[in-house]
Amino acid sequence: MNDPVDIKAWLEEHRITEIECLIPDMSGQARGKIVPCHKYDPAYGLRLPEAVLAMTVTGDYPEKDFTSVADPDMRLVPDARTLRPVPWAKEPTALIIHDCVSFDGKPVDLSPRNVLRRIMKLYEDEGWRPVIAPEMEFYLVQVEADEDIPLKPPVGRTRRTEAGMQSFSIESMNEYGEIFDVLYDWCEAQGIQLDTLVHEMGTAQMEINLEHGDPLALADQVFLFKRTVREVAIRNQMYATFMAKPMQGQPGSAMHMHQNVVDVATGRNLFSRKDGEPSDAFMHHIGGLQHYLPAATAFFAPYVNSYRRLSRFTSAPINLGWGYDNRTCGLRVPRSGPESRRVENRLAGVDANPYLMFAASLACGYLGMKQRLKPADALVGSAYELPHQLPRHLDDAVEMLQACEPLAELFGSHFIDTYRAIKEVEYREYFEVVSPWERRFLLLNV
């Protein structure tokens, strides 16, 4: 749904009995409440503790309270454009994504949805409109309750697991045809605008692209898409995982993001001159991505597992070289006409929170355009032959983010401080875990 609707009328028309009132948290998970329809008042919304937005992916919290006072509530205000049915629910159920606001009406700083809005407002103030298109990779895997056992590809319709890596294989995708039939139906019912489905490099690794459009609307679609894929997979006795690197010896899963900027007054792609050649704005946008993405890496690789994906010769970037139709680069410019000229940011893993990842990529490009930053020369050869340019670990990435004043100004220091504290807690919890590798090679050998 692109246009606001009368929420009460829609609920009555569809005879809804329950409503899932959702917000995306810092890790991109759905938080909120399920409310009987007759008790839901769209004019008032709901309340939820603001501390939900400072929660780690493990359900823990930083030691410092980053809310304004001790554990206050915030208001959840429904965004009518996000009203959708929940197609897998047994009873007629709707979902609505809510905005987080304080009781004085101001947007809550820690809300990822508000962060993306904040960055989009920068573009709006310039008379610009960013356009994006995300590509999401994920694995289908067998259900395995024991967390110490490595993941395995699932059994398909032939009652066999997939053999080897079957890039772009139609037959391998058809192994899970019933799953994708349901997925497309459920996505259509929710207004999630799926485009292309392909089999990626990994064993039972898939990629689904969304149609290009407004960043906030697409972040909402990615948020809902992940829920939908997981639900379809579970109902077929398998998991869908959006970990960046779920299996040893297999490629990681990315969320590539195509982006360009349109002049609102004319509708013209600012990345192309009138003669069809690349514009200065295009070069400055790439310059901003090259300059600021290293400091923003914690948004694109938000967990310790994320950095396993960023390695040479695995279709994942290790630096931010840019080139024309060059997939070894962190920034790729696809072949296109002048009206579709865009840059593909290949840094993010699919484990990234889409609201924060879109906001960070657009913020870096915006800074480049405002500061008129020049990019390095376009790369013709392999970027894998060049040195690492990105943080190698989560703690390094968080330190770089904290030290970058221009990004802190755009995102807000309160948000950056809180995000840093969340990631420090997650890293500390990870560091306390002794891995199977350590037990195998160190237990009796050192």
Protein backbone atom coordinates (compact mmCIF):
# COMPACT_ATOMS: atom_id res chain seq x y z
CA MET A 1 0.00 0.00 0.00
CA ASN A 2 1.47 3.35 -1.03
CA ASP A 3 -1.35 5.69 -0.02
CA PRO A 4 -2.66 6.18 3.51
CA VAL A 5 -5.97 4.46 4.20
CA ASP A 6 -8.68 4.80 6.81
CA ILE A 7 -7.41 2.24 9.29
CA LYS A 8 -10.71 1.58 11.04
CA ALA A 9 -12.61 1.21 7.77
CA TRP A 10 -9.99 -1.19 6.38
CA LEU A 11 -10.07 -3.32 9.54
CA GLU A 12 -13.85 -3.53 9.41
CA GLU A 13 -13.90 -4.29 5.68
CA HIS A 14 -11.49 -7.20 6.14
CA ARG A 15 -13.18 -8.35 9.37
CA ILE A 16 -9.90 -8.28 11.23
CA THR A 17 -9.94 -9.79 14.71
CA GLU A 18 -6.30 -9.20 15.77
CA ILE A 19 -3.63 -6.64 14.96
CA GLU A 20 0.13 -7.10 15.11
CA CYS A 21 1.47 -3.68 16.13
CA LEU A 22 5.12 -3.73 15.06
CA ILE A 23 8.27 -1.65 15.29
CA PRO A 24 11.72 -2.65 13.99
CA ASP A 25 14.30 -2.75 16.77
CA MET A 26 18.04 -2.07 16.48
CA SER A 27 18.74 -5.53 15.01
CA GLY A 28 15.78 -5.33 12.63
CA GLN A 29 13.60 -7.73 14.62
CA ALA A 30 9.87 -7.12 15.00
CA ARG A 31 8.90 -5.91 18.47
CA GLY A 32 5.52 -4.74 19.65
CA LYS A 33 2.16 -6.04 20.80
CA ILE A 34 -0.70 -8.13 19.45
CA VAL A 35 -3.99 -6.41 20.20
CA PRO A 36 -7.62 -7.50 19.75
CA CYS A 37 -9.07 -5.40 16.98
CA HIS A 38 -11.96 -4.05 19.08
CA LYS A 39 -9.46 -2.62 21.60
CA TYR A 40 -7.21 -0.90 19.07
CA ASP A 41 -7.59 2.86 18.66
CA PRO A 42 -5.56 4.17 15.68
CA ALA A 43 -5.89 7.74 16.93
CA TYR A 44 -4.06 6.87 20.14
CA GLY A 45 -1.83 3.98 19.16
CA LEU A 46 0.00 2.12 21.90
CA ARG A 47 2.76 2.46 24.48
CA LEU A 48 5.99 0.52 24.65
CA PRO A 49 9.12 0.94 26.81
CA GLU A 50 11.72 3.01 24.99
CA ALA A 51 14.39 0.60 26.27
CA VAL A 52 13.23 -1.91 23.63
CA LEU A 53 15.22 0.18 21.15
CA ALA A 54 18.42 -0.28 23.20
CA MET A 55 18.15 -4.08 23.29
CA THR A 56 20.94 -6.26 21.93
CA VAL A 57 20.33 -9.14 19.52
CA THR A 58 20.65 -11.49 22.53
CA GLY A 59 17.97 -9.65 24.51
CA ASP A 60 20.42 -7.94 26.84
CA TYR A 61 20.94 -4.23 27.47
CA PRO A 62 23.94 -1.91 27.88
CA GLU A 63 24.85 -1.16 31.48
CA LYS A 64 24.18 2.54 30.97
CA ASP A 65 20.56 3.64 30.56
CA PHE A 66 20.41 5.45 27.22
CA THR A 67 16.79 6.52 27.57
CA SER A 68 15.85 10.00 28.76
CA VAL A 69 14.79 8.88 32.25
CA ALA A 70 14.64 5.49 33.94
CA ASP A 71 12.79 3.16 31.54
CA PRO A 72 10.15 5.55 30.15
CA ASP A 73 7.37 4.68 27.74
CA MET A 74 7.10 5.96 24.20
CA ARG A 75 4.05 6.22 21.97
CA LEU A 76 3.61 3.95 18.97
CA VAL A 77 1.75 5.82 16.22
CA PRO A 78 0.47 3.73 13.29
CA ASP A 79 1.68 4.47 9.78
CA ALA A 80 -1.47 3.78 7.78
CA ARG A 81 0.56 3.12 4.61
CA THR A 82 1.96 -0.03 6.22
CA LEU A 83 -1.42 -1.63 7.02
CA ARG A 84 -1.41 -5.16 5.59
CA PRO A 85 -2.95 -8.58 6.15
CA VAL A 86 -0.93 -11.34 7.81
CA PRO A 87 -1.48 -14.06 5.19
CA TRP A 88 -0.33 -17.01 7.32
CA ALA A 89 -2.52 -16.25 10.34
CA LYS A 90 -5.39 -18.66 11.09
CA GLU A 91 -7.73 -15.83 12.14
CA PRO A 92 -8.16 -12.61 10.11
CA THR A 93 -5.11 -10.67 11.28
CA ALA A 94 -3.53 -7.40 10.19
CA LEU A 95 -0.14 -5.84 10.84
CA ILE A 96 0.78 -2.18 11.10
CA ILE A 97 4.27 -0.76 11.42
CA HIS A 98 4.30 2.04 13.97
CA ASP A 99 6.44 5.12 14.42
CA CYS A 100 8.07 5.75 17.79
CA VAL A 101 7.39 9.21 19.23
CA SER A 102 7.78 10.75 22.66
CA PHE A 103 4.80 12.18 24.50
CA ASP A 104 5.67 15.68 23.32
CA GLY A 105 5.33 14.46 19.72
CA LYS A 106 9.03 14.40 18.84
CA PRO A 107 10.48 11.38 16.99
CA VAL A 108 12.40 9.02 19.28
CA ASP A 109 16.10 9.25 18.41
CA LEU A 110 16.78 5.53 18.81
CA SER A 111 14.14 4.34 16.34
CA PRO A 112 15.82 2.93 13.18
CA ARG A 113 12.80 4.02 11.17
CA ASN A 114 13.20 7.58 12.43
CA VAL A 115 16.91 7.50 11.63
CA LEU A 116 16.17 6.69 8.00
CA ARG A 117 13.57 9.45 7.88
CA ARG A 118 16.15 11.86 9.28
CA ILE A 119 18.58 11.09 6.44
CA MET A 120 15.85 11.28 3.80
CA LYS A 121 14.92 14.75 5.11
CA LEU A 122 18.44 15.93 4.25
CA TYR A 123 17.81 14.97 0.63
CA GLU A 124 14.35 16.54 0.68
CA ASP A 125 15.78 19.85 1.91
CA GLU A 126 18.06 19.91 -1.15
CA GLY A 127 15.20 19.20 -3.55
CA TRP A 128 16.49 15.67 -4.09
CA ARG A 129 14.81 12.27 -3.88
CA PRO A 130 16.91 9.14 -3.31
CA VAL A 131 15.86 5.98 -5.14
CA ILE A 132 17.10 2.55 -4.09
CA ALA A 133 16.68 -1.13 -4.97
CA PRO A 134 17.84 -3.86 -2.55
CA GLU A 135 18.92 -7.40 -3.40
CA MET A 136 18.62 -10.00 -0.63
CA GLU A 137 20.49 -13.29 -0.39
CA PHE A 138 19.62 -16.04 2.07
CA TYR A 139 20.09 -19.75 2.67
CA LEU A 140 17.54 -22.50 3.12
CA VAL A 141 18.87 -25.02 5.65
CA GLN A 142 17.75 -28.10 7.54
CA VAL A 143 16.16 -27.65 10.94
CA GLU A 144 18.83 -28.35 13.56
CA ALA A 145 18.16 -27.70 17.23
CA ASP A 146 21.75 -28.37 18.35
CA GLU A 147 23.65 -25.11 17.86
CA ASP A 148 27.05 -26.90 17.85
CA ILE A 149 26.20 -28.93 14.72
CA PRO A 150 27.02 -27.18 11.39
CA LEU A 151 24.10 -26.25 9.17
CA LYS A 152 23.20 -28.44 6.19
CA PRO A 153 21.21 -27.77 3.00
CA PRO A 154 17.59 -28.95 3.14
CA VAL A 155 15.99 -31.87 1.33
CA GLY A 156 14.15 -30.79 -1.82
CA ARG A 157 11.26 -32.33 -3.76
CA THR A 158 13.53 -35.12 -5.10
CA ARG A 159 14.19 -36.11 -1.46
CA ARG A 160 17.87 -35.27 -1.87
CA THR A 161 20.04 -32.41 -0.71
CA GLU A 162 21.57 -30.11 -3.28
CA ALA A 163 24.98 -31.25 -4.58
CA GLY A 164 27.68 -28.59 -4.89
CA MET A 165 27.17 -24.97 -5.86
CA GLN A 166 24.49 -24.49 -8.51
CA SER A 167 24.68 -20.82 -9.48
CA PHE A 168 21.64 -19.68 -11.51
CA SER A 169 20.31 -23.24 -11.74
CA ILE A 170 16.61 -23.35 -12.59
CA GLU A 171 16.29 -26.99 -11.59
CA SER A 172 17.84 -26.34 -8.21
CA MET A 173 15.35 -23.55 -7.57
CA ASN A 174 12.51 -25.84 -8.64
CA GLU A 175 13.55 -28.21 -5.84
CA TYR A 176 11.84 -25.69 -3.57
CA GLY A 177 9.17 -24.53 -6.03
CA GLU A 178 6.27 -24.94 -3.63
CA ILE A 179 8.01 -22.73 -1.09
CA PHE A 180 8.54 -19.94 -3.60
CA ASP A 181 4.96 -20.20 -4.91
CA VAL A 182 3.65 -19.55 -1.41
CA LEU A 183 6.29 -16.88 -0.78
CA TYR A 184 5.27 -14.88 -3.86
CA ASP A 185 1.57 -15.17 -2.93
CA TRP A 186 2.17 -14.03 0.64
CA CYS A 187 4.41 -11.19 -0.45
CA GLU A 188 1.84 -10.01 -3.00
CA ALA A 189 -0.83 -10.01 -0.29
CA GLN A 190 1.41 -7.73 1.81
CA GLY A 191 2.39 -5.37 -1.00
CA ILE A 192 6.00 -6.58 -0.99
CA GLN A 193 7.07 -5.93 -4.57
CA LEU A 194 9.30 -8.87 -5.48
CA ASP A 195 11.21 -8.79 -8.72
CA THR A 196 13.75 -11.42 -9.74
CA LEU A 197 14.45 -14.78 -8.07
CA VAL A 198 17.78 -16.49 -8.75
CA HIS A 199 19.83 -19.30 -7.28
CA GLU A 200 22.99 -17.78 -5.85
CA MET A 201 26.48 -19.30 -5.59
CA GLY A 202 26.01 -21.18 -2.33
CA THR A 203 24.31 -24.53 -1.80
CA ALA A 204 20.57 -23.76 -1.43
CA GLN A 205 21.41 -20.05 -1.39
CA MET A 206 18.81 -17.83 -3.06
CA GLU A 207 18.55 -14.18 -4.02
CA ILE A 208 15.37 -12.17 -4.37
CA ASN A 209 15.37 -8.56 -5.59
CA LEU A 210 12.83 -5.87 -4.81
CA GLU A 211 11.63 -3.28 -7.29
CA HIS A 212 13.26 0.14 -6.99
CA GLY A 213 11.55 2.91 -5.09
CA ASP A 214 11.34 5.00 -1.92
CA PRO A 215 13.93 4.02 0.75
CA LEU A 216 11.50 3.98 3.69
CA ALA A 217 8.89 1.93 1.84
CA LEU A 218 11.57 -0.54 0.75
CA ALA A 219 13.05 -0.79 4.24
CA ASP A 220 9.55 -1.71 5.45
CA GLN A 221 9.31 -4.32 2.70
CA VAL A 222 12.68 -5.88 3.60
CA PHE A 223 11.65 -5.92 7.27
CA LEU A 224 8.43 -7.76 6.39
CA PHE A 225 10.06 -9.95 3.74
CA LYS A 226 12.43 -11.51 6.25
CA ARG A 227 9.51 -12.41 8.52
CA THR A 228 7.62 -13.88 5.59
CA VAL A 229 10.49 -16.03 4.27
CA ARG A 230 11.14 -17.45 7.74
CA GLU A 231 7.46 -18.28 8.16
CA VAL A 232 7.21 -20.04 4.78
CA ALA A 233 10.38 -22.04 5.46
CA ILE A 234 9.30 -23.17 8.94
CA ARG A 235 5.99 -24.40 7.54
CA ASN A 236 8.04 -26.54 5.15
CA GLN A 237 10.21 -28.04 7.92
CA MET A 238 13.31 -25.95 7.19
CA TYR A 239 14.88 -22.66 8.21
CA ALA A 240 15.58 -19.56 6.14
CA THR A 241 18.63 -17.81 7.54
CA PHE A 242 19.82 -14.27 6.96
CA MET A 243 23.15 -14.72 8.72
CA ALA A 244 25.94 -13.13 6.73
CA LYS A 245 28.08 -16.29 6.84
CA PRO A 246 26.02 -19.25 8.05
CA MET A 247 28.12 -22.14 6.68
CA GLN A 248 31.83 -22.87 6.48
CA GLY A 249 33.13 -23.19 2.92
CA GLN A 250 30.09 -21.41 1.44
CA PRO A 251 29.76 -17.81 0.21
CA GLY A 252 28.25 -15.22 2.50
CA SER A 253 24.85 -13.62 2.00
CA ALA A 254 24.71 -9.95 1.00
CA MET A 255 22.13 -7.22 0.71
CA HIS A 256 23.40 -5.19 -2.22
CA MET A 257 21.84 -1.77 -2.60
CA HIS A 258 21.47 0.13 -5.87
CA GLN A 259 21.07 3.87 -5.34
CA ASN A 260 20.71 7.06 -7.30
CA VAL A 261 19.30 10.54 -6.72
CA VAL A 262 16.53 12.30 -8.63
CA ASP A 263 15.89 16.04 -8.88
CA VAL A 264 12.38 16.48 -7.50
CA ALA A 265 11.53 19.52 -9.64
CA THR A 266 12.49 17.98 -12.97
CA GLY A 267 12.43 14.23 -12.32
CA ARG A 268 15.91 14.02 -13.82
CA ASN A 269 18.52 11.55 -12.60
CA LEU A 270 21.17 13.75 -11.01
CA PHE A 271 23.84 11.16 -11.79
CA SER A 272 23.69 11.97 -15.53
CA ARG A 273 24.35 15.19 -17.40
CA LYS A 274 22.03 16.35 -20.16
CA ASP A 275 24.43 14.89 -22.72
CA GLY A 276 24.15 11.49 -21.03
CA GLU A 277 27.61 11.46 -19.49
CA PRO A 278 28.25 10.92 -15.75
CA SER A 279 27.65 14.10 -13.75
CA ASP A 280 29.74 15.72 -11.05
CA ALA A 281 27.02 14.74 -8.55
CA PHE A 282 27.52 11.10 -9.51
CA MET A 283 31.26 11.30 -8.92
CA HIS A 284 30.82 13.16 -5.64
CA HIS A 285 28.30 10.56 -4.47
CA ILE A 286 30.81 7.79 -5.14
CA GLY A 287 33.48 9.91 -3.47
CA GLY A 288 31.34 10.15 -0.35
CA LEU A 289 30.77 6.40 -0.30
CA GLN A 290 34.50 5.73 -0.64
CA HIS A 291 35.40 8.24 2.05
CA TYR A 292 32.77 7.49 4.71
CA LEU A 293 31.74 3.84 4.27
CA PRO A 294 34.70 2.51 6.30
CA ALA A 295 33.48 4.52 9.30
CA ALA A 296 29.90 3.33 8.68
CA THR A 297 30.83 -0.37 8.35
CA ALA A 298 29.23 -1.22 11.69
CA PHE A 299 25.84 -0.60 10.06
CA PHE A 300 26.64 -2.83 7.08
CA ALA A 301 28.37 -5.57 9.09
CA PRO A 302 26.66 -5.34 12.50
CA TYR A 303 27.72 -8.66 14.09
CA VAL A 304 30.92 -10.63 14.65
CA ASN A 305 29.72 -13.16 12.06
CA SER A 306 29.39 -10.39 9.45
CA TYR A 307 33.15 -10.05 9.05
CA ARG A 308 33.56 -13.68 8.00
CA ARG A 309 31.81 -12.73 4.77
CA LEU A 310 34.19 -9.88 3.88
CA SER A 311 37.04 -11.92 2.43
CA ARG A 312 38.85 -12.18 -0.90
CA PHE A 313 37.45 -14.07 -3.90
CA THR A 314 34.03 -14.68 -2.34
CA SER A 315 31.94 -12.08 -4.23
CA ALA A 316 32.21 -9.82 -1.19
CA PRO A 317 34.29 -6.62 -1.01
CA ILE A 318 37.47 -6.15 0.99
CA ASN A 319 37.88 -2.50 -0.06
CA LEU A 320 35.92 0.31 -1.67
CA GLY A 321 37.35 0.45 -5.14
CA TRP A 322 34.74 1.33 -7.74
CA GLY A 323 34.40 0.27 -11.34
CA TYR A 324 32.04 -0.18 -14.24
CA ASP A 325 30.33 -3.59 -14.11
CA ASN A 326 33.11 -4.88 -11.85
CA ARG A 327 31.81 -7.23 -9.14
CA THR A 328 35.16 -7.44 -7.36
CA CYS A 329 34.65 -3.82 -6.28
CA GLY A 330 32.82 -2.67 -3.20
CA LEU A 331 31.10 -0.06 -5.39
CA ARG A 332 29.92 -1.27 -8.79
CA VAL A 333 28.36 0.83 -11.53
CA PRO A 334 26.08 -1.46 -13.60
CA ARG A 335 25.66 -1.01 -17.33
CA SER A 336 22.64 1.24 -17.92
CA GLY A 337 21.32 4.16 -19.87
CA PRO A 338 21.77 7.71 -18.54
CA GLU A 339 18.30 7.76 -16.98
CA SER A 340 19.10 4.66 -14.91
CA ARG A 341 22.69 5.47 -13.94
CA ARG A 342 23.26 4.27 -10.38
CA VAL A 343 25.87 2.83 -8.06
CA GLU A 344 25.59 -0.57 -6.38
CA ASN A 345 26.88 -0.63 -2.81
CA ARG A 346 28.03 -4.23 -2.25
CA LEU A 347 29.28 -3.84 1.32
CA ALA A 348 26.25 -4.88 3.40
CA GLY A 349 25.46 -8.37 4.57
CA VAL A 350 21.83 -9.41 4.57
CA ASP A 351 22.05 -9.50 8.38
CA ALA A 352 22.04 -5.68 8.39
CA ASN A 353 19.06 -3.73 9.68
CA PRO A 354 17.63 -2.34 6.40
CA TYR A 355 16.61 0.99 7.93
CA LEU A 356 20.09 1.67 9.28
CA MET A 357 21.88 0.23 6.25
CA PHE A 358 19.87 2.35 3.79
CA ALA A 359 20.31 5.41 5.99
CA ALA A 360 24.08 4.91 6.25
CA SER A 361 24.61 4.38 2.52
CA LEU A 362 22.54 7.43 1.63
CA ALA A 363 24.24 9.50 4.33
CA CYS A 364 27.70 8.70 2.96
CA GLY A 365 26.63 9.61 -0.58
CA TYR A 366 24.96 12.79 0.68
CA LEU A 367 28.13 13.90 2.46
CA GLY A 368 30.08 13.32 -0.74
CA MET A 369 27.68 15.48 -2.74
CA LYS A 370 27.66 18.28 -0.17
CA GLN A 371 31.43 18.23 0.36
CA ARG A 372 32.13 17.67 -3.35
CA LEU A 373 34.41 14.74 -2.61
CA LYS A 374 36.25 13.22 -5.56
CA PRO A 375 36.48 9.44 -5.93
CA ALA A 376 39.58 7.47 -6.84
CA ASP A 377 39.94 6.49 -10.49
CA ALA A 378 37.63 3.74 -11.69
CA LEU A 379 39.21 0.32 -11.28
CA VAL A 380 39.64 -1.88 -14.34
CA GLY A 381 41.32 -4.94 -12.80
CA SER A 382 40.47 -7.01 -9.73
CA ALA A 383 39.86 -5.20 -6.45
CA TYR A 384 40.81 -8.43 -4.68
CA GLU A 385 44.43 -7.70 -5.60
CA LEU A 386 44.33 -4.48 -3.58
CA PRO A 387 44.79 -4.22 0.20
CA HIS A 388 41.98 -4.46 2.74
CA GLN A 389 40.40 -1.06 3.31
CA LEU A 390 37.56 -1.99 5.66
CA PRO A 391 37.52 -2.81 9.38
CA ARG A 392 38.34 -6.47 9.98
CA HIS A 393 36.38 -6.86 13.23
CA LEU A 394 33.25 -5.45 14.85
CA ASP A 395 35.10 -3.68 17.66
CA ASP A 396 37.31 -1.86 15.12
CA ALA A 397 34.24 -0.83 13.11
CA VAL A 398 32.48 0.56 16.17
CA GLU A 399 35.54 2.61 17.13
CA MET A 400 35.71 4.08 13.62
CA LEU A 401 32.01 4.95 13.72
CA GLN A 402 32.35 6.65 17.10
CA ALA A 403 35.25 8.76 15.82
CA CYS A 404 33.50 9.98 12.64
CA GLU A 405 32.03 13.38 13.51
CA PRO A 406 30.16 13.99 10.21
CA LEU A 407 28.23 10.70 10.56
CA ALA A 408 27.59 11.34 14.26
CA GLU A 409 26.12 14.72 13.35
CA LEU A 410 23.78 13.22 10.75
CA PHE A 411 22.65 10.26 12.88
CA GLY A 412 22.71 12.12 16.18
CA SER A 413 25.23 11.60 18.96
CA HIS A 414 22.61 9.96 21.21
CA PHE A 415 21.94 7.32 18.60
CA ILE A 416 25.63 6.69 17.85
CA ASP A 417 26.49 6.38 21.56
CA THR A 418 23.67 3.91 22.09
CA TYR A 419 24.52 1.86 19.01
CA ARG A 420 28.15 1.66 20.15
CA ALA A 421 27.10 0.48 23.61
CA ILE A 422 24.82 -2.21 22.13
CA LYS A 423 27.58 -3.53 19.91
CA GLU A 424 30.05 -3.57 22.78
CA VAL A 425 27.68 -5.75 24.82
CA GLU A 426 27.17 -8.12 21.89
CA TYR A 427 30.91 -8.37 21.27
CA ARG A 428 31.59 -9.03 24.96
CA GLU A 429 29.02 -11.83 25.02
CA TYR A 430 30.51 -13.37 21.88
CA PHE A 431 34.04 -13.14 23.27
CA GLU A 432 33.05 -15.22 26.31
CA VAL A 433 32.10 -18.19 24.07
CA VAL A 434 34.81 -20.80 23.47
CA SER A 435 34.47 -22.09 19.90
CA PRO A 436 34.75 -25.69 18.59
CA TRP A 437 37.91 -24.61 16.70
CA GLU A 438 39.60 -23.65 19.97
CA ARG A 439 38.64 -26.93 21.62
CA ARG A 440 39.76 -28.95 18.60
CA PHE A 441 43.17 -27.39 18.02
CA LEU A 442 44.16 -25.95 21.38
CA LEU A 443 42.76 -28.35 23.95
CA LEU A 444 45.62 -30.87 23.74
CA ASN A 445 48.16 -29.11 21.53
CA VAL A 446 49.25 -26.07 23.51
